[in-house]
PDB file of N, CA and C in Angstrom:
ATOM      1  N   MET A   1     -11.843 -17.898  53.260  1.00  0.00           N
ATOM      2  CA  MET A   1     -11.909 -18.957  52.282  1.00  0.00           C
ATOM      3  C   MET A   1     -11.369 -18.440  50.943  1.00  0.00           C
ATOM      4  N   ALA A   2     -10.478 -19.215  50.352  1.00  0.00           N
ATOM      5  CA  ALA A   2      -9.859 -18.832  49.091  1.00  0.00           C
ATOM      6  C   ALA A   2     -10.569 -19.505  47.917  1.00  0.00           C
ATOM      7  N   ILE A   3     -10.429 -18.886  46.756  1.00  0.00           N
ATOM      8  CA  ILE A   3     -10.884 -19.473  45.499  1.00  0.00           C
ATOM      9  C   ILE A   3      -9.633 -19.776  44.689  1.00  0.00           C
ATOM     10  N   ILE A   4      -9.482 -21.031  44.292  1.00  0.00           N
ATOM     11  CA  ILE A   4      -8.281 -21.491  43.602  1.00  0.00           C
ATOM     12  C   ILE A   4      -8.703 -22.034  42.238  1.00  0.00           C
ATOM     13  N   SER A   5      -8.068 -21.555  41.167  1.00  0.00           N
ATOM     14  CA  SER A   5      -8.368 -22.036  39.816  1.00  0.00           C
ATOM     15  C   SER A   5      -7.221 -22.899  39.315  1.00  0.00           C
ATOM     16  N   LYS A   6      -7.575 -24.040  38.721  1.00  0.00           N
ATOM     17  CA  LYS A   6      -6.586 -24.957  38.168  1.00  0.00           C
ATOM     18  C   LYS A   6      -7.091 -25.513  36.840  1.00  0.00           C
ATOM     19  N   LYS A   7      -6.147 -25.804  35.941  1.00  0.00           N
ATOM     20  CA  LYS A   7      -6.466 -26.450  34.670  1.00  0.00           C
ATOM     21  C   LYS A   7      -6.788 -27.920  34.920  1.00  0.00           C
ATOM     22  N   ILE A   8      -7.633 -28.475  34.042  1.00  0.00           N
ATOM     23  CA  ILE A   8      -7.926 -29.904  34.085  1.00  0.00           C
ATOM     24  C   ILE A   8      -8.168 -30.373  32.649  1.00  0.00           C
ATOM     25  N   HIS A   9      -7.577 -31.493  32.280  1.00  0.00           N
ATOM     26  CA  HIS A   9      -7.733 -32.040  30.934  1.00  0.00           C
ATOM     27  C   HIS A   9      -9.158 -32.562  30.732  1.00  0.00           C
ATOM     28  N   PRO A  10      -9.630 -32.570  29.484  1.00  0.00           N
ATOM     29  CA  PRO A  10     -11.023 -32.939  29.204  1.00  0.00           C
ATOM     30  C   PRO A  10     -11.472 -34.285  29.773  1.00  0.00           C
ATOM     31  N   GLU A  11     -10.639 -35.325  29.678  1.00  0.00           N
ATOM     32  CA  GLU A  11     -11.084 -36.636  30.164  1.00  0.00           C
ATOM     33  C   GLU A  11     -11.301 -36.623  31.677  1.00  0.00           C
ATOM     34  N   TYR A  12     -10.476 -35.876  32.412  1.00  0.00           N
ATOM     35  CA  TYR A  12     -10.645 -35.781  33.860  1.00  0.00           C
ATOM     36  C   TYR A  12     -11.797 -34.848  34.218  1.00  0.00           C
ATOM     37  N   PHE A  13     -11.959 -33.793  33.429  1.00  0.00           N
ATOM     38  CA  PHE A  13     -13.089 -32.881  33.620  1.00  0.00           C
ATOM     39  C   PHE A  13     -14.396 -33.674  33.581  1.00  0.00           C
ATOM     40  N   GLU A  14     -14.544 -34.527  32.554  1.00  0.00           N
ATOM     41  CA  GLU A  14     -15.765 -35.327  32.400  1.00  0.00           C
ATOM     42  C   GLU A  14     -15.976 -36.265  33.579  1.00  0.00           C
ATOM     43  N   MET A  15     -14.894 -36.870  34.082  1.00  0.00           N
ATOM     44  CA  MET A  15     -15.024 -37.787  35.217  1.00  0.00           C
ATOM     45  C   MET A  15     -15.444 -37.044  36.487  1.00  0.00           C
ATOM     46  N   VAL A  16     -14.902 -35.838  36.705  1.00  0.00           N
ATOM     47  CA  VAL A  16     -15.310 -35.040  37.868  1.00  0.00           C
ATOM     48  C   VAL A  16     -16.764 -34.617  37.701  1.00  0.00           C
ATOM     49  N   LYS A  17     -17.104 -34.164  36.502  1.00  0.00           N
ATOM     50  CA  LYS A  17     -18.470 -33.706  36.224  1.00  0.00           C
ATOM     51  C   LYS A  17     -19.487 -34.810  36.482  1.00  0.00           C
ATOM     52  N   SER A  18     -19.172 -36.041  36.070  1.00  0.00           N
ATOM     53  CA  SER A  18     -20.106 -37.161  36.233  1.00  0.00           C
ATOM     54  C   SER A  18     -20.164 -37.680  37.670  1.00  0.00           C
ATOM     55  N   GLY A  19     -19.167 -37.308  38.483  1.00  0.00           N
ATOM     56  CA  GLY A  19     -19.117 -37.786  39.866  1.00  0.00           C
ATOM     57  C   GLY A  19     -18.249 -39.019  40.049  1.00  0.00           C
ATOM     58  N   LYS A  20     -17.743 -39.575  38.952  1.00  0.00           N
ATOM     59  CA  LYS A  20     -16.903 -40.771  39.055  1.00  0.00           C
ATOM     60  C   LYS A  20     -15.583 -40.468  39.753  1.00  0.00           C
ATOM     61  N   LYS A  21     -14.986 -39.319  39.451  1.00  0.00           N
ATOM     62  CA  LYS A  21     -13.707 -38.916  40.060  1.00  0.00           C
ATOM     63  C   LYS A  21     -14.008 -37.856  41.118  1.00  0.00           C
ATOM     64  N   ASN A  22     -13.783 -38.220  42.378  1.00  0.00           N
ATOM     65  CA  ASN A  22     -14.090 -37.292  43.472  1.00  0.00           C
ATOM     66  C   ASN A  22     -12.847 -36.961  44.294  1.00  0.00           C
ATOM     67  N   PHE A  23     -11.727 -36.789  43.594  1.00  0.00           N
ATOM     68  CA  PHE A  23     -10.477 -36.422  44.240  1.00  0.00           C
ATOM     69  C   PHE A  23      -9.624 -35.669  43.228  1.00  0.00           C
ATOM     70  N   GLU A  24      -8.627 -34.958  43.696  1.00  0.00           N
ATOM     71  CA  GLU A  24      -7.633 -34.307  42.841  1.00  0.00           C
ATOM     72  C   GLU A  24      -6.262 -34.625  43.399  1.00  0.00           C
ATOM     73  N   LEU A  25      -5.338 -34.942  42.535  1.00  0.00           N
ATOM     74  CA  LEU A  25      -3.942 -35.129  42.909  1.00  0.00           C
ATOM     75  C   LEU A  25      -3.193 -33.971  42.270  1.00  0.00           C
ATOM     76  N   ARG A  26      -2.601 -33.117  43.076  1.00  0.00           N
ATOM     77  CA  ARG A  26      -1.955 -31.905  42.579  1.00  0.00           C
ATOM     78  C   ARG A  26      -0.604 -31.698  43.239  1.00  0.00           C
ATOM     79  N   LEU A  27       0.306 -31.109  42.485  1.00  0.00           N
ATOM     80  CA  LEU A  27       1.574 -30.671  43.037  1.00  0.00           C
ATOM     81  C   LEU A  27       1.266 -29.631  44.108  1.00  0.00           C
ATOM     82  N   ALA A  28       1.900 -29.739  45.258  1.00  0.00           N
ATOM     83  CA  ALA A  28       1.626 -28.830  46.379  1.00  0.00           C
ATOM     84  C   ALA A  28       2.421 -27.531  46.226  1.00  0.00           C
ATOM     85  N   ASP A  29       2.160 -26.827  45.121  1.00  0.00           N
ATOM     86  CA  ASP A  29       2.873 -25.575  44.860  1.00  0.00           C
ATOM     87  C   ASP A  29       1.972 -24.357  45.086  1.00  0.00           C
ATOM     88  N   PHE A  30       0.908 -24.555  45.876  1.00  0.00           N
ATOM     89  CA  PHE A  30      -0.012 -23.465  46.205  1.00  0.00           C
ATOM     90  C   PHE A  30      -0.600 -23.736  47.583  1.00  0.00           C
ATOM     91  N   GLU A  31      -1.123 -22.704  48.191  1.00  0.00           N
ATOM     92  CA  GLU A  31      -1.751 -22.833  49.508  1.00  0.00           C
ATOM     93  C   GLU A  31      -3.202 -23.275  49.333  1.00  0.00           C
ATOM     94  N   VAL A  32      -3.639 -24.195  50.165  1.00  0.00           N
ATOM     95  CA  VAL A  32      -5.014 -24.678  50.125  1.00  0.00           C
ATOM     96  C   VAL A  32      -5.432 -25.102  51.531  1.00  0.00           C
ATOM     97  N   LYS A  33      -6.708 -24.852  51.854  1.00  0.00           N
ATOM     98  CA  LYS A  33      -7.243 -25.233  53.156  1.00  0.00           C
ATOM     99  C   LYS A  33      -8.629 -25.847  52.968  1.00  0.00           C
ATOM    100  N   GLU A  34      -9.028 -26.656  53.934  1.00  0.00           N
ATOM    101  CA  GLU A  34     -10.394 -27.170  53.924  1.00  0.00           C
ATOM    102  C   GLU A  34     -11.351 -25.990  53.899  1.00  0.00           C
ATOM    103  N   GLY A  35     -12.387 -26.107  53.084  1.00  0.00           N
ATOM    104  CA  GLY A  35     -13.379 -25.036  52.975  1.00  0.00           C
ATOM    105  C   GLY A  35     -13.125 -24.089  51.815  1.00  0.00           C
ATOM    106  N   ASP A  36     -11.920 -24.124  51.233  1.00  0.00           N
ATOM    107  CA  ASP A  36     -11.636 -23.308  50.051  1.00  0.00           C
ATOM    108  C   ASP A  36     -12.465 -23.830  48.882  1.00  0.00           C
ATOM    109  N   THR A  37     -12.538 -23.055  47.814  1.00  0.00           N
ATOM    110  CA  THR A  37     -13.252 -23.444  46.605  1.00  0.00           C
ATOM    111  C   THR A  37     -12.242 -23.686  45.493  1.00  0.00           C
ATOM    112  N   LEU A  38     -12.395 -24.814  44.813  1.00  0.00           N
ATOM    113  CA  LEU A  38     -11.530 -25.152  43.688  1.00  0.00           C
ATOM    114  C   LEU A  38     -12.337 -25.011  42.401  1.00  0.00           C
ATOM    115  N   ILE A  39     -11.853 -24.140  41.506  1.00  0.00           N
ATOM    116  CA  ILE A  39     -12.453 -23.973  40.192  1.00  0.00           C
ATOM    117  C   ILE A  39     -11.604 -24.788  39.218  1.00  0.00           C
ATOM    118  N   LEU A  40     -12.195 -25.786  38.604  1.00  0.00           N
ATOM    119  CA  LEU A  40     -11.497 -26.616  37.620  1.00  0.00           C
ATOM    120  C   LEU A  40     -11.893 -26.127  36.238  1.00  0.00           C
ATOM    121  N   GLU A  41     -10.914 -25.593  35.513  1.00  0.00           N
ATOM    122  CA  GLU A  41     -11.158 -25.046  34.183  1.00  0.00           C
ATOM    123  C   GLU A  41     -10.640 -26.018  33.129  1.00  0.00           C
ATOM    124  N   GLU A  42     -11.549 -26.500  32.292  1.00  0.00           N
ATOM    125  CA  GLU A  42     -11.168 -27.480  31.278  1.00  0.00           C
ATOM    126  C   GLU A  42     -10.157 -26.866  30.301  1.00  0.00           C
ATOM    127  N   TRP A  43      -9.071 -27.596  30.091  1.00  0.00           N
ATOM    128  CA  TRP A  43      -7.956 -27.155  29.265  1.00  0.00           C
ATOM    129  C   TRP A  43      -7.702 -28.207  28.190  1.00  0.00           C
ATOM    130  N   ASN A  44      -7.709 -27.783  26.938  1.00  0.00           N
ATOM    131  CA  ASN A  44      -7.428 -28.698  25.840  1.00  0.00           C
ATOM    132  C   ASN A  44      -5.931 -28.643  25.542  1.00  0.00           C
ATOM    133  N   PRO A  45      -5.174 -29.688  25.883  1.00  0.00           N
ATOM    134  CA  PRO A  45      -3.728 -29.659  25.699  1.00  0.00           C
ATOM    135  C   PRO A  45      -3.299 -29.720  24.231  1.00  0.00           C
ATOM    136  N   GLU A  46      -4.178 -30.203  23.368  1.00  0.00           N
ATOM    137  CA  GLU A  46      -3.832 -30.289  21.948  1.00  0.00           C
ATOM    138  C   GLU A  46      -3.746 -28.920  21.290  1.00  0.00           C
ATOM    139  N   ILE A  47      -4.684 -28.033  21.649  1.00  0.00           N
ATOM    140  CA  ILE A  47      -4.672 -26.683  21.061  1.00  0.00           C
ATOM    141  C   ILE A  47      -4.190 -25.627  22.066  1.00  0.00           C
ATOM    142  N   LYS A  48      -3.884 -26.094  23.279  1.00  0.00           N
ATOM    143  CA  LYS A  48      -3.379 -25.237  24.351  1.00  0.00           C
ATOM    144  C   LYS A  48      -4.280 -24.025  24.615  1.00  0.00           C
ATOM    145  N   GLU A  49      -5.563 -24.361  24.814  1.00  0.00           N
ATOM    146  CA  GLU A  49      -6.555 -23.326  25.117  1.00  0.00           C
ATOM    147  C   GLU A  49      -7.586 -23.863  26.105  1.00  0.00           C
ATOM    148  N   TYR A  50      -8.181 -22.939  26.863  1.00  0.00           N
ATOM    149  CA  TYR A  50      -9.311 -23.293  27.709  1.00  0.00           C
ATOM    150  C   TYR A  50     -10.532 -23.512  26.826  1.00  0.00           C
ATOM    151  N   THR A  51     -11.403 -24.433  27.234  1.00  0.00           N
ATOM    152  CA  THR A  51     -12.615 -24.714  26.466  1.00  0.00           C
ATOM    153  C   THR A  51     -13.760 -23.796  26.872  1.00  0.00           C
ATOM    154  N   GLY A  52     -13.652 -23.181  28.034  1.00  0.00           N
ATOM    155  CA  GLY A  52     -14.728 -22.341  28.550  1.00  0.00           C
ATOM    156  C   GLY A  52     -15.584 -23.049  29.593  1.00  0.00           C
ATOM    157  N   ARG A  53     -15.408 -24.373  29.733  1.00  0.00           N
ATOM    158  CA  ARG A  53     -16.187 -25.105  30.729  1.00  0.00           C
ATOM    159  C   ARG A  53     -15.461 -25.082  32.072  1.00  0.00           C
ATOM    160  N   LYS A  54     -16.242 -24.933  33.154  1.00  0.00           N
ATOM    161  CA  LYS A  54     -15.678 -24.858  34.501  1.00  0.00           C
ATOM    162  C   LYS A  54     -16.544 -25.666  35.457  1.00  0.00           C
ATOM    163  N   LEU A  55     -15.895 -26.195  36.476  1.00  0.00           N
ATOM    164  CA  LEU A  55     -16.583 -26.845  37.589  1.00  0.00           C
ATOM    165  C   LEU A  55     -16.128 -26.180  38.874  1.00  0.00           C
ATOM    166  N   GLU A  56     -17.044 -25.998  39.799  1.00  0.00           N
ATOM    167  CA  GLU A  56     -16.716 -25.421  41.100  1.00  0.00           C
ATOM    168  C   GLU A  56     -16.946 -26.485  42.165  1.00  0.00           C
ATOM    169  N   LYS A  57     -15.903 -26.760  42.952  1.00  0.00           N
ATOM    170  CA  LYS A  57     -15.973 -27.788  43.990  1.00  0.00           C
ATOM    171  C   LYS A  57     -15.478 -27.221  45.315  1.00  0.00           C
ATOM    172  N   ASN A  58     -16.130 -27.618  46.394  1.00  0.00           N
ATOM    173  CA  ASN A  58     -15.657 -27.255  47.724  1.00  0.00           C
ATOM    174  C   ASN A  58     -14.581 -28.257  48.148  1.00  0.00           C
ATOM    175  N   ILE A  59     -13.569 -27.764  48.809  1.00  0.00           N
ATOM    176  CA  ILE A  59     -12.453 -28.602  49.234  1.00  0.00           C
ATOM    177  C   ILE A  59     -12.719 -29.147  50.629  1.00  0.00           C
ATOM    178  N   GLY A  60     -12.625 -30.468  50.743  1.00  0.00           N
ATOM    179  CA  GLY A  60     -12.775 -31.141  52.026  1.00  0.00           C
ATOM    180  C   GLY A  60     -11.402 -31.494  52.570  1.00  0.00           C
ATOM    181  N   TYR A  61     -11.210 -32.738  52.882  1.00  0.00           N
ATOM    182  CA  TYR A  61      -9.964 -33.224  53.465  1.00  0.00           C
ATOM    183  C   TYR A  61      -8.791 -33.073  52.493  1.00  0.00           C
ATOM    184  N   ILE A  62      -7.649 -32.656  53.013  1.00  0.00           N
ATOM    185  CA  ILE A  62      -6.420 -32.495  52.225  1.00  0.00           C
ATOM    186  C   ILE A  62      -5.340 -33.355  52.860  1.00  0.00           C
ATOM    187  N   LEU A  63      -4.688 -34.161  52.053  1.00  0.00           N
ATOM    188  CA  LEU A  63      -3.558 -34.965  52.518  1.00  0.00           C
ATOM    189  C   LEU A  63      -2.326 -34.521  51.759  1.00  0.00           C
ATOM    190  N   LYS A  64      -1.342 -34.014  52.481  1.00  0.00           N
ATOM    191  CA  LYS A  64      -0.059 -33.646  51.876  1.00  0.00           C
ATOM    192  C   LYS A  64       0.978 -34.595  52.452  1.00  0.00           C
ATOM    193  N   PHE A  65       1.787 -35.188  51.579  1.00  0.00           N
ATOM    194  CA  PHE A  65       2.762 -36.145  52.085  1.00  0.00           C
ATOM    195  C   PHE A  65       4.104 -35.972  51.395  1.00  0.00           C
ATOM    196  N   ASP A  66       5.118 -36.484  52.050  1.00  0.00           N
ATOM    197  CA  ASP A  66       6.499 -36.488  51.585  1.00  0.00           C
ATOM    198  C   ASP A  66       6.764 -37.870  51.003  1.00  0.00           C
ATOM    199  N   LEU A  67       7.420 -37.936  49.844  1.00  0.00           N
ATOM    200  CA  LEU A  67       7.688 -39.227  49.215  1.00  0.00           C
ATOM    201  C   LEU A  67       8.446 -40.189  50.113  1.00  0.00           C
ATOM    202  N   ASP A  68       9.236 -39.677  51.042  1.00  0.00           N
ATOM    203  CA  ASP A  68      10.037 -40.571  51.877  1.00  0.00           C
ATOM    204  C   ASP A  68       9.495 -40.671  53.302  1.00  0.00           C
ATOM    205  N   LYS A  69       8.260 -40.262  53.518  1.00  0.00           N
ATOM    206  CA  LYS A  69       7.692 -40.281  54.870  1.00  0.00           C
ATOM    207  C   LYS A  69       7.758 -41.660  55.515  1.00  0.00           C
ATOM    208  N   PHE A  70       7.580 -42.708  54.741  1.00  0.00           N
ATOM    209  CA  PHE A  70       7.597 -44.055  55.276  1.00  0.00           C
ATOM    210  C   PHE A  70       8.852 -44.818  54.859  1.00  0.00           C
ATOM    211  N   GLY A  71       9.892 -44.088  54.427  1.00  0.00           N
ATOM    212  CA  GLY A  71      11.148 -44.724  54.050  1.00  0.00           C
ATOM    213  C   GLY A  71      11.062 -45.500  52.748  1.00  0.00           C
ATOM    214  N   GLN A  72      10.158 -45.067  51.853  1.00  0.00           N
ATOM    215  CA  GLN A  72       9.937 -45.808  50.618  1.00  0.00           C
ATOM    216  C   GLN A  72      10.148 -44.957  49.371  1.00  0.00           C
ATOM    217  N   LYS A  73      10.967 -43.946  49.452  1.00  0.00           N
ATOM    218  CA  LYS A  73      11.132 -43.044  48.313  1.00  0.00           C
ATOM    219  C   LYS A  73      11.542 -43.797  47.043  1.00  0.00           C
ATOM    220  N   LYS A  74      12.488 -44.710  47.135  1.00  0.00           N
ATOM    221  CA  LYS A  74      12.954 -45.455  45.963  1.00  0.00           C
ATOM    222  C   LYS A  74      11.805 -46.258  45.340  1.00  0.00           C
ATOM    223  N   GLU A  75      11.040 -46.950  46.177  1.00  0.00           N
ATOM    224  CA  GLU A  75       9.924 -47.746  45.682  1.00  0.00           C
ATOM    225  C   GLU A  75       8.846 -46.865  45.047  1.00  0.00           C
ATOM    226  N   VAL A  76       8.573 -45.716  45.652  1.00  0.00           N
ATOM    227  CA  VAL A  76       7.578 -44.798  45.098  1.00  0.00           C
ATOM    228  C   VAL A  76       8.040 -44.290  43.730  1.00  0.00           C
ATOM    229  N   GLU A  77       9.318 -43.931  43.612  1.00  0.00           N
ATOM    230  CA  GLU A  77       9.830 -43.450  42.329  1.00  0.00           C
ATOM    231  C   GLU A  77       9.775 -44.540  41.262  1.00  0.00           C
ATOM    232  N   GLU A  78       9.995 -45.796  41.643  1.00  0.00           N
ATOM    233  CA  GLU A  78       9.975 -46.908  40.695  1.00  0.00           C
ATOM    234  C   GLU A  78       8.559 -47.337  40.310  1.00  0.00           C
ATOM    235  N   LYS A  79       7.670 -47.409  41.303  1.00  0.00           N
ATOM    236  CA  LYS A  79       6.350 -48.002  41.073  1.00  0.00           C
ATOM    237  C   LYS A  79       5.221 -46.997  40.986  1.00  0.00           C
ATOM    238  N   GLY A  80       5.428 -45.784  41.479  1.00  0.00           N
ATOM    239  CA  GLY A  80       4.357 -44.798  41.497  1.00  0.00           C
ATOM    240  C   GLY A  80       3.460 -44.971  42.707  1.00  0.00           C
ATOM    241  N   LEU A  81       2.385 -44.223  42.727  1.00  0.00           N
ATOM    242  CA  LEU A  81       1.424 -44.247  43.825  1.00  0.00           C
ATOM    243  C   LEU A  81       0.022 -44.443  43.281  1.00  0.00           C
ATOM    244  N   TYR A  82      -0.859 -44.964  44.092  1.00  0.00           N
ATOM    245  CA  TYR A  82      -2.287 -44.976  43.799  1.00  0.00           C
ATOM    246  C   TYR A  82      -2.937 -43.906  44.675  1.00  0.00           C
ATOM    247  N   VAL A  83      -3.938 -43.264  44.153  1.00  0.00           N
ATOM    248  CA  VAL A  83      -4.857 -42.474  44.960  1.00  0.00           C
ATOM    249  C   VAL A  83      -6.175 -43.226  44.860  1.00  0.00           C
ATOM    250  N   ILE A  84      -6.698 -43.666  45.968  1.00  0.00           N
ATOM    251  CA  ILE A  84      -7.864 -44.540  45.961  1.00  0.00           C
ATOM    252  C   ILE A  84      -9.066 -43.808  46.562  1.00  0.00           C
ATOM    253  N   SER A  85     -10.121 -43.742  45.818  1.00  0.00           N
ATOM    254  CA  SER A  85     -11.359 -43.143  46.292  1.00  0.00           C
ATOM    255  C   SER A  85     -12.151 -44.197  47.053  1.00  0.00           C
ATOM    256  N   LEU A  86     -12.630 -43.852  48.221  1.00  0.00           N
ATOM    257  CA  LEU A  86     -13.422 -44.773  49.038  1.00  0.00           C
ATOM    258  C   LEU A  86     -14.893 -44.395  48.950  1.00  0.00           C
ATOM    259  N   GLU A  87     -15.727 -45.373  48.692  1.00  0.00           N
ATOM    260  CA  GLU A  87     -17.173 -45.085  48.573  1.00  0.00           C
ATOM    261  C   GLU A  87     -17.959 -45.783  49.656  1.00  0.00           C
TER     262      GLU A  87
END
């Protein structure tokens, strides 16, 4: 099991901390597996420094996809994507 640290902006940090945001959307530029630990380190982009606050989360399901997997690359680039949390 790996431990992965990533920056997170204050508004998203608060949403994860409160439980409202229970997902992460990240560029797939690192290795990750179910069962790994994600350390989210609050980052203040205005002063470009860490705040010192951290959250530790266990990684469950991971979905990695290609923008053109369903033949919709143009539409995705124009309209964007939603990530929807199911409760």
